[in-house]
Each structure stands twice: as C-alpha cells, then as structure tokens.
N, C-alpha and C. Protein backbone atom coordinates (compact mmCIF):
# COMPACT_ATOMS: atom_id res chain seq x y z
N UNK A 1 0.82 -1.19 0.00
CA UNK A 1 0.00 0.00 0.00
C UNK A 1 0.87 1.26 0.00
N UNK A 2 1.96 1.26 0.66
CA UNK A 2 2.87 2.39 0.72
C UNK A 2 3.48 2.65 -0.65
N UNK A 3 3.79 1.61 -1.42
CA UNK A 3 4.37 1.75 -2.75
C UNK A 3 3.39 2.43 -3.69
N UNK A 4 2.13 2.08 -3.64
CA UNK A 4 1.11 2.70 -4.48
C UNK A 4 0.97 4.18 -4.14
N UNK A 5 0.99 4.47 -2.87
CA UNK A 5 0.86 5.85 -2.40
C UNK A 5 2.03 6.70 -2.93
N UNK A 6 3.25 6.17 -2.85
CA UNK A 6 4.44 6.89 -3.34
C UNK A 6 4.36 7.08 -4.85
N UNK A 7 3.89 6.07 -5.55
CA UNK A 7 3.77 6.16 -7.01
C UNK A 7 2.84 7.31 -7.39
N UNK A 8 1.72 7.46 -6.68
CA UNK A 8 0.79 8.54 -6.97
C UNK A 8 1.39 9.91 -6.66
N UNK A 9 2.19 9.96 -5.64
CA UNK A 9 2.88 11.21 -5.31
C UNK A 9 3.85 11.58 -6.42
N UNK A 10 4.63 10.62 -6.90
CA UNK A 10 5.58 10.86 -7.98
C UNK A 10 4.85 11.32 -9.24
N UNK A 11 3.74 10.66 -9.58
CA UNK A 11 2.96 11.05 -10.76
C UNK A 11 2.40 12.46 -10.57
N UNK A 12 1.89 12.77 -9.41
CA UNK A 12 1.35 14.10 -9.13
C UNK A 12 2.40 15.18 -9.25
N UNK A 13 3.58 14.93 -8.71
CA UNK A 13 4.67 15.90 -8.79
C UNK A 13 5.09 16.09 -10.26
N UNK A 14 5.18 15.01 -11.01
CA UNK A 14 5.56 15.10 -12.43
C UNK A 14 4.54 15.93 -13.21
N UNK A 15 3.26 15.70 -12.97
CA UNK A 15 2.22 16.47 -13.66
C UNK A 15 2.31 17.95 -13.27
N UNK A 16 2.56 18.24 -12.00
CA UNK A 16 2.68 19.62 -11.54
C UNK A 16 3.87 20.31 -12.19
N UNK A 17 4.99 19.61 -12.32
CA UNK A 17 6.18 20.20 -12.95
C UNK A 17 5.91 20.49 -14.43
N UNK A 18 5.30 19.56 -15.13
CA UNK A 18 4.97 19.78 -16.54
C UNK A 18 4.01 20.96 -16.67
N UNK A 19 3.02 21.04 -15.81
CA UNK A 19 2.08 22.15 -15.84
C UNK A 19 2.76 23.48 -15.60
N UNK A 20 3.67 23.52 -14.64
CA UNK A 20 4.40 24.75 -14.34
C UNK A 20 5.27 25.17 -15.53
N UNK A 21 5.90 24.21 -16.19
CA UNK A 21 6.72 24.53 -17.36
C UNK A 21 5.87 25.08 -18.50
N UNK A 22 4.71 24.47 -18.73
CA UNK A 22 3.82 24.96 -19.78
C UNK A 22 3.31 26.36 -19.46
N UNK A 23 2.96 26.62 -18.21
CA UNK A 23 2.49 27.95 -17.80
C UNK A 23 3.59 28.99 -17.98
N UNK A 24 4.81 28.66 -17.60
CA UNK A 24 5.93 29.59 -17.76
C UNK A 24 6.17 29.90 -19.23
N UNK A 25 6.11 28.89 -20.08
CA UNK A 25 6.29 29.08 -21.51
C UNK A 25 5.20 30.00 -22.06
N UNK A 26 3.96 29.76 -21.66
CA UNK A 26 2.85 30.58 -22.13
C UNK A 26 2.99 32.03 -21.69
N UNK A 27 3.44 32.24 -20.48
CA UNK A 27 3.60 33.60 -19.95
C UNK A 27 4.68 34.36 -20.72
N UNK A 28 5.79 33.72 -20.98
CA UNK A 28 6.90 34.41 -21.63
C UNK A 28 6.77 34.50 -23.14
N UNK A 29 6.03 33.58 -23.77
CA UNK A 29 5.96 33.56 -25.22
C UNK A 29 4.56 33.70 -25.78
N UNK A 30 3.57 33.93 -24.94
CA UNK A 30 2.19 33.99 -25.40
C UNK A 30 1.72 35.40 -25.70
N UNK A 31 0.60 35.49 -26.40
CA UNK A 31 -0.09 36.74 -26.67
C UNK A 31 -1.31 36.78 -25.79
N UNK A 32 -1.32 37.68 -24.82
CA UNK A 32 -2.43 37.73 -23.89
C UNK A 32 -3.28 38.99 -24.05
N UNK A 33 -3.11 39.69 -25.16
CA UNK A 33 -3.90 40.88 -25.42
C UNK A 33 -3.79 41.22 -26.91
N UNK A 34 -4.72 42.05 -27.39
CA UNK A 34 -4.58 42.50 -28.78
C UNK A 34 -3.27 43.26 -28.98
N UNK A 35 -2.84 43.99 -27.95
CA UNK A 35 -1.58 44.73 -28.02
C UNK A 35 -0.41 43.76 -28.26
N UNK A 36 -0.37 42.68 -27.49
CA UNK A 36 0.68 41.67 -27.67
C UNK A 36 0.62 41.01 -29.03
N UNK A 37 -0.59 40.78 -29.52
CA UNK A 37 -0.75 40.16 -30.85
C UNK A 37 -0.15 41.07 -31.92
N UNK A 38 -0.49 42.35 -31.88
CA UNK A 38 0.03 43.29 -32.88
C UNK A 38 1.56 43.38 -32.77
N UNK A 39 2.07 43.49 -31.55
CA UNK A 39 3.51 43.60 -31.35
C UNK A 39 4.25 42.38 -31.91
N UNK A 40 3.63 41.20 -31.81
CA UNK A 40 4.28 39.97 -32.27
C UNK A 40 4.14 39.72 -33.77
N UNK A 41 3.13 40.32 -34.42
CA UNK A 41 2.83 39.97 -35.81
C UNK A 41 3.10 41.06 -36.83
N UNK A 42 3.37 42.28 -36.39
CA UNK A 42 3.57 43.37 -37.34
C UNK A 42 4.87 44.10 -37.06
N UNK A 43 5.34 44.83 -38.06
CA UNK A 43 6.64 45.50 -38.03
C UNK A 43 6.51 46.87 -37.33
N UNK A 44 7.35 47.12 -36.38
CA UNK A 44 7.36 48.38 -35.63
C UNK A 44 7.77 49.52 -36.55
N UNK A 45 7.06 50.66 -36.46
CA UNK A 45 7.34 51.82 -37.31
C UNK A 45 7.31 53.07 -36.43
N UNK A 46 8.36 53.28 -35.64
CA UNK A 46 8.38 54.39 -34.68
C UNK A 46 8.24 55.76 -35.35
N UNK A 47 8.61 55.88 -36.61
CA UNK A 47 8.47 57.17 -37.30
C UNK A 47 7.01 57.55 -37.51
N UNK A 48 6.10 56.61 -37.35
CA UNK A 48 4.67 56.88 -37.53
C UNK A 48 3.92 56.99 -36.20
N UNK A 49 4.65 56.91 -35.08
CA UNK A 49 4.02 57.06 -33.77
C UNK A 49 3.34 58.43 -33.69
N UNK A 50 2.29 58.51 -32.86
CA UNK A 50 1.65 59.79 -32.58
C UNK A 50 2.04 60.15 -31.15
N UNK A 51 3.05 60.98 -31.02
CA UNK A 51 3.58 61.34 -29.71
C UNK A 51 4.01 60.09 -28.95
N UNK A 52 3.70 60.09 -27.65
CA UNK A 52 4.01 58.92 -26.83
C UNK A 52 2.77 58.06 -26.61
N UNK A 53 1.64 58.52 -27.17
CA UNK A 53 0.38 57.83 -26.92
C UNK A 53 0.09 56.68 -27.87
N UNK A 54 0.26 56.90 -29.16
CA UNK A 54 -0.08 55.89 -30.16
C UNK A 54 1.19 55.30 -30.76
N UNK A 55 1.38 54.01 -30.57
CA UNK A 55 2.55 53.30 -31.06
C UNK A 55 2.20 52.65 -32.40
N UNK A 56 3.03 52.88 -33.41
CA UNK A 56 2.72 52.47 -34.78
C UNK A 56 3.45 51.20 -35.21
N UNK A 57 2.72 50.42 -36.00
CA UNK A 57 3.24 49.21 -36.66
C UNK A 57 2.77 49.27 -38.10
N UNK A 58 3.41 48.51 -38.97
CA UNK A 58 2.99 48.50 -40.37
C UNK A 58 2.81 47.08 -40.87
N UNK A 59 2.07 47.00 -41.97
CA UNK A 59 1.85 45.73 -42.66
C UNK A 59 1.71 46.03 -44.15
N UNK A 60 2.10 45.08 -44.97
CA UNK A 60 1.91 45.22 -46.41
C UNK A 60 0.50 44.80 -46.82
N UNK A 61 -0.26 44.29 -45.88
CA UNK A 61 -1.63 43.84 -46.15
C UNK A 61 -2.60 45.02 -46.03
N UNK A 62 -3.78 44.86 -46.63
CA UNK A 62 -4.80 45.91 -46.57
C UNK A 62 -5.38 46.01 -45.16
N UNK A 63 -5.98 47.16 -44.82
CA UNK A 63 -6.60 47.28 -43.50
C UNK A 63 -7.64 46.18 -43.21
N UNK A 64 -8.43 45.81 -44.20
CA UNK A 64 -9.44 44.76 -43.95
C UNK A 64 -8.79 43.41 -43.67
N UNK A 65 -7.68 43.10 -44.33
CA UNK A 65 -6.96 41.85 -44.06
C UNK A 65 -6.34 41.87 -42.66
N UNK A 66 -5.73 43.00 -42.30
CA UNK A 66 -5.12 43.14 -40.97
C UNK A 66 -6.20 43.03 -39.90
N UNK A 67 -7.32 43.72 -40.12
CA UNK A 67 -8.42 43.69 -39.16
C UNK A 67 -8.94 42.27 -38.97
N UNK A 68 -9.08 41.52 -40.04
CA UNK A 68 -9.55 40.15 -39.93
C UNK A 68 -8.59 39.31 -39.10
N UNK A 69 -7.29 39.46 -39.34
CA UNK A 69 -6.30 38.72 -38.56
C UNK A 69 -6.41 39.04 -37.07
N UNK A 70 -6.50 40.32 -36.76
CA UNK A 70 -6.55 40.74 -35.36
C UNK A 70 -7.86 40.31 -34.70
N UNK A 71 -8.98 40.54 -35.38
CA UNK A 71 -10.28 40.20 -34.78
C UNK A 71 -10.51 38.70 -34.71
N UNK A 72 -9.88 37.92 -35.58
CA UNK A 72 -9.95 36.46 -35.45
C UNK A 72 -9.23 36.01 -34.18
N UNK A 73 -8.14 36.70 -33.84
CA UNK A 73 -7.38 36.34 -32.64
C UNK A 73 -7.98 36.95 -31.38
N UNK A 74 -8.48 38.20 -31.48
CA UNK A 74 -9.01 38.93 -30.32
C UNK A 74 -10.27 39.67 -30.74
N UNK A 75 -11.41 39.22 -30.27
CA UNK A 75 -12.69 39.85 -30.60
C UNK A 75 -12.80 41.21 -29.91
N UNK A 76 -13.03 42.29 -30.66
CA UNK A 76 -13.14 43.61 -30.03
C UNK A 76 -14.49 43.80 -29.34
N UNK A 77 -14.52 44.70 -28.36
CA UNK A 77 -15.78 45.07 -27.71
C UNK A 77 -16.64 45.88 -28.66
N UNK A 78 -16.03 46.73 -29.47
CA UNK A 78 -16.72 47.52 -30.48
C UNK A 78 -15.81 47.67 -31.69
N UNK A 79 -16.43 47.90 -32.83
CA UNK A 79 -15.68 48.07 -34.07
C UNK A 79 -16.39 49.10 -34.92
N UNK A 80 -15.64 50.00 -35.51
CA UNK A 80 -16.20 51.01 -36.40
C UNK A 80 -15.35 51.02 -37.67
N UNK A 81 -16.02 51.01 -38.82
CA UNK A 81 -15.32 50.98 -40.11
C UNK A 81 -15.89 52.09 -40.98
N UNK A 82 -15.02 52.89 -41.57
CA UNK A 82 -15.43 53.85 -42.58
C UNK A 82 -14.29 54.01 -43.58
N UNK A 83 -14.43 54.94 -44.48
CA UNK A 83 -13.42 55.13 -45.51
C UNK A 83 -12.05 55.53 -45.00
N UNK A 84 -12.00 56.07 -43.78
CA UNK A 84 -10.71 56.51 -43.24
C UNK A 84 -9.92 55.38 -42.60
N UNK A 85 -10.60 54.30 -42.18
CA UNK A 85 -9.89 53.20 -41.55
C UNK A 85 -10.81 52.30 -40.76
N UNK A 86 -10.19 51.44 -39.97
CA UNK A 86 -10.90 50.48 -39.13
C UNK A 86 -10.49 50.75 -37.69
N UNK A 87 -11.47 50.91 -36.83
CA UNK A 87 -11.25 51.33 -35.44
C UNK A 87 -11.77 50.22 -34.52
N UNK A 88 -10.87 49.57 -33.80
CA UNK A 88 -11.23 48.48 -32.91
C UNK A 88 -11.07 48.93 -31.47
N UNK A 89 -12.11 48.71 -30.66
CA UNK A 89 -12.04 49.08 -29.24
C UNK A 89 -12.04 47.81 -28.41
N UNK A 90 -11.07 47.75 -27.50
CA UNK A 90 -10.98 46.68 -26.52
C UNK A 90 -11.18 47.32 -25.15
N UNK A 91 -11.15 46.55 -24.09
CA UNK A 91 -11.39 47.10 -22.76
C UNK A 91 -10.45 48.26 -22.43
N UNK A 92 -9.16 48.06 -22.62
CA UNK A 92 -8.17 49.07 -22.26
C UNK A 92 -7.47 49.69 -23.45
N UNK A 93 -7.48 49.03 -24.58
CA UNK A 93 -6.71 49.45 -25.74
C UNK A 93 -7.59 49.69 -26.96
N UNK A 94 -7.06 50.49 -27.87
CA UNK A 94 -7.66 50.61 -29.19
C UNK A 94 -6.62 50.15 -30.21
N UNK A 95 -7.12 49.62 -31.31
CA UNK A 95 -6.27 49.28 -32.44
C UNK A 95 -6.91 49.98 -33.64
N UNK A 96 -6.19 50.94 -34.20
CA UNK A 96 -6.69 51.71 -35.34
C UNK A 96 -5.85 51.32 -36.55
N UNK A 97 -6.52 50.88 -37.60
CA UNK A 97 -5.84 50.40 -38.80
C UNK A 97 -6.17 51.36 -39.93
N UNK A 98 -5.15 52.05 -40.43
CA UNK A 98 -5.33 53.06 -41.46
C UNK A 98 -4.66 52.63 -42.75
N UNK A 99 -5.28 52.94 -43.89
CA UNK A 99 -4.65 52.58 -45.16
C UNK A 99 -3.50 53.52 -45.51
N UNK A 100 -2.46 52.95 -46.09
CA UNK A 100 -1.36 53.72 -46.67
C UNK A 100 -1.06 53.09 -48.02
N UNK A 101 -0.28 53.77 -48.83
CA UNK A 101 -0.01 53.31 -50.19
C UNK A 101 0.54 51.88 -50.23
N UNK A 102 1.37 51.53 -49.27
CA UNK A 102 2.02 50.21 -49.29
C UNK A 102 1.37 49.21 -48.32
N UNK A 103 0.12 49.44 -47.90
CA UNK A 103 -0.52 48.50 -46.99
C UNK A 103 -1.29 49.20 -45.90
N UNK A 104 -0.84 49.03 -44.65
CA UNK A 104 -1.57 49.56 -43.50
C UNK A 104 -0.63 50.07 -42.42
N UNK A 105 -1.11 51.05 -41.67
CA UNK A 105 -0.48 51.47 -40.43
C UNK A 105 -1.42 51.03 -39.32
N UNK A 106 -0.87 50.39 -38.31
CA UNK A 106 -1.64 49.91 -37.17
C UNK A 106 -1.19 50.71 -35.95
N UNK A 107 -2.13 51.42 -35.34
CA UNK A 107 -1.81 52.26 -34.18
C UNK A 107 -2.40 51.64 -32.92
N UNK A 108 -1.54 51.39 -31.94
CA UNK A 108 -1.96 50.88 -30.63
C UNK A 108 -2.00 52.05 -29.66
N UNK A 109 -3.11 52.17 -28.94
CA UNK A 109 -3.23 53.29 -28.02
C UNK A 109 -4.18 52.92 -26.90
N UNK A 110 -3.91 53.41 -25.72
CA UNK A 110 -4.81 53.21 -24.58
C UNK A 110 -6.11 53.93 -24.85
N UNK A 111 -7.22 53.39 -24.37
CA UNK A 111 -8.53 54.00 -24.61
C UNK A 111 -8.62 55.40 -24.01
N UNK A 112 -7.89 55.65 -22.94
CA UNK A 112 -7.96 56.96 -22.30
C UNK A 112 -7.53 58.09 -23.23
N UNK A 113 -6.63 57.82 -24.17
CA UNK A 113 -6.22 58.85 -25.13
C UNK A 113 -6.82 58.62 -26.51
N UNK A 114 -7.14 57.37 -26.83
CA UNK A 114 -7.69 57.06 -28.16
C UNK A 114 -9.11 57.59 -28.34
N UNK A 115 -9.94 57.45 -27.33
CA UNK A 115 -11.33 57.88 -27.48
C UNK A 115 -11.42 59.38 -27.78
N UNK A 116 -10.73 60.23 -27.03
CA UNK A 116 -10.79 61.65 -27.39
C UNK A 116 -10.20 61.93 -28.78
N UNK A 117 -9.17 61.20 -29.15
CA UNK A 117 -8.53 61.43 -30.45
C UNK A 117 -9.46 61.05 -31.61
N UNK A 118 -10.19 59.96 -31.48
CA UNK A 118 -10.99 59.44 -32.59
C UNK A 118 -12.49 59.64 -32.41
N UNK A 119 -12.91 60.34 -31.36
CA UNK A 119 -14.34 60.53 -31.13
C UNK A 119 -15.04 61.17 -32.33
N UNK A 120 -14.36 62.09 -33.00
CA UNK A 120 -14.96 62.75 -34.17
C UNK A 120 -15.23 61.77 -35.30
N UNK A 121 -14.55 60.62 -35.29
CA UNK A 121 -14.77 59.60 -36.32
C UNK A 121 -15.77 58.56 -35.84
N UNK A 122 -15.52 57.99 -34.68
CA UNK A 122 -16.35 56.87 -34.20
C UNK A 122 -17.63 57.35 -33.51
N UNK A 123 -17.66 58.61 -33.07
CA UNK A 123 -18.84 59.12 -32.38
C UNK A 123 -19.26 58.19 -31.26
N UNK A 124 -20.50 57.76 -31.27
CA UNK A 124 -21.00 56.83 -30.26
C UNK A 124 -20.70 55.39 -30.62
N UNK A 125 -19.97 55.16 -31.71
CA UNK A 125 -19.68 53.80 -32.15
C UNK A 125 -18.87 52.98 -31.18
N UNK A 126 -18.14 53.64 -30.30
CA UNK A 126 -17.35 52.92 -29.30
C UNK A 126 -18.06 52.87 -27.96
N UNK A 127 -19.32 53.24 -27.91
CA UNK A 127 -20.06 53.17 -26.66
C UNK A 127 -19.71 54.31 -25.73
N UNK A 128 -20.22 54.23 -24.51
CA UNK A 128 -20.05 55.30 -23.53
C UNK A 128 -18.79 55.18 -22.70
N UNK A 129 -18.18 54.04 -22.67
CA UNK A 129 -17.00 53.93 -21.81
C UNK A 129 -16.35 52.58 -21.91
N UNK A 130 -15.40 52.34 -21.03
CA UNK A 130 -14.62 51.12 -21.04
C UNK A 130 -15.49 49.89 -20.86
N UNK A 131 -15.29 48.92 -21.73
CA UNK A 131 -15.89 47.61 -21.55
C UNK A 131 -17.37 47.53 -21.82
N UNK A 132 -18.04 48.60 -22.18
CA UNK A 132 -19.46 48.52 -22.42
C UNK A 132 -19.71 48.04 -23.83
N UNK A 133 -20.51 47.01 -23.96
CA UNK A 133 -20.80 46.48 -25.30
C UNK A 133 -22.29 46.44 -25.57
N UNK A 134 -23.13 46.58 -24.57
CA UNK A 134 -24.57 46.50 -24.76
C UNK A 134 -25.20 47.79 -24.26
N UNK A 135 -26.01 48.43 -25.09
CA UNK A 135 -26.75 49.64 -24.74
C UNK A 135 -25.83 50.80 -24.35
N UNK A 136 -24.57 50.71 -24.60
CA UNK A 136 -23.67 51.83 -24.39
C UNK A 136 -23.28 52.13 -22.97
N UNK A 137 -24.01 51.66 -21.99
CA UNK A 137 -23.65 51.88 -20.59
C UNK A 137 -23.93 53.29 -20.10
N UNK A 138 -24.69 54.08 -20.86
CA UNK A 138 -24.99 55.45 -20.48
C UNK A 138 -26.16 55.52 -19.50
N UNK A 139 -26.73 56.72 -19.32
CA UNK A 139 -27.85 56.88 -18.40
C UNK A 139 -29.00 55.93 -18.75
N UNK A 140 -29.51 55.26 -17.76
CA UNK A 140 -30.62 54.33 -17.97
C UNK A 140 -30.21 52.97 -18.46
N UNK A 141 -28.92 52.71 -18.55
CA UNK A 141 -28.46 51.41 -19.05
C UNK A 141 -28.96 50.30 -18.14
N UNK A 142 -29.37 49.22 -18.75
CA UNK A 142 -29.79 48.04 -17.99
C UNK A 142 -31.23 48.09 -17.55
N UNK A 143 -31.97 49.11 -17.95
CA UNK A 143 -33.37 49.19 -17.55
C UNK A 143 -34.24 48.43 -18.51
C-alpha cells in the first residue's frame, strides 16, 4: 500500500512540474492581449508614432486583411469601419488600422487617449466607456 501511495505522489509531482513549465512558456511567449498580438505579428514603425500615446506598426496587407487577422485572434468590444480606416475598441486598448499606399499602419493606443482622439470619427460607435458592449452603458443602461 505504501508503494502505491508513493507512485501517486511521484505522478502528481511530475504532472505539476509539466504544468508549471507549460504555464511559464505561455507567460513568456504567449499573446495575452490585442496589443501583444500586434507587437508579435507586425513591423514596428516608430516614425509613424503619434507622440508617446499611439505606437505604430505596419503591414503590407490591406486594413481589412489586418483587421480580420486581429479580430480572429481577439474579438473587439466595439468596431467602427469607414473610408478613413478600421477602429477596434478593446477594454483598455484601441487598435486603429489606417490605409497607406504600401498597406496599413496599425496604431496601438490606450482608450484613455484614443477615445478623445478618434471621437470625431467613431462618435457613439465605441459606446459610452470602457468595456461597455450593450446599450452603451450610459444613463438608464440596464433598464
């Protein structure tokens, strides 16, 4: 009976070690946000940054192709599309994809600065605030 008990302990410890290794790998090499996805999949273009707020990346693909890649990996809370570009809102971040002659510029920006910057384009399309996806979260929401 003692041998069986020890065997289960050894198996349990081995499973725990494998789990810890997989978790460590995922933490260091995984994409846990739309921001991380863009950083890992597109080319950094610091010359296209907007101050310190919007960090720029580029792609040779069209905005609609880039948007599909990003939204397939990370579903946005809100999305607005018009002739000027594609505007994706996440809980804390925005991803704005603009057309350029050679493909797309992808701008990553915190919602705290992105919403005021793009409000004239998206209007109420991004809802009333962070994380709201139904009824905008404004006065009377949830009634």
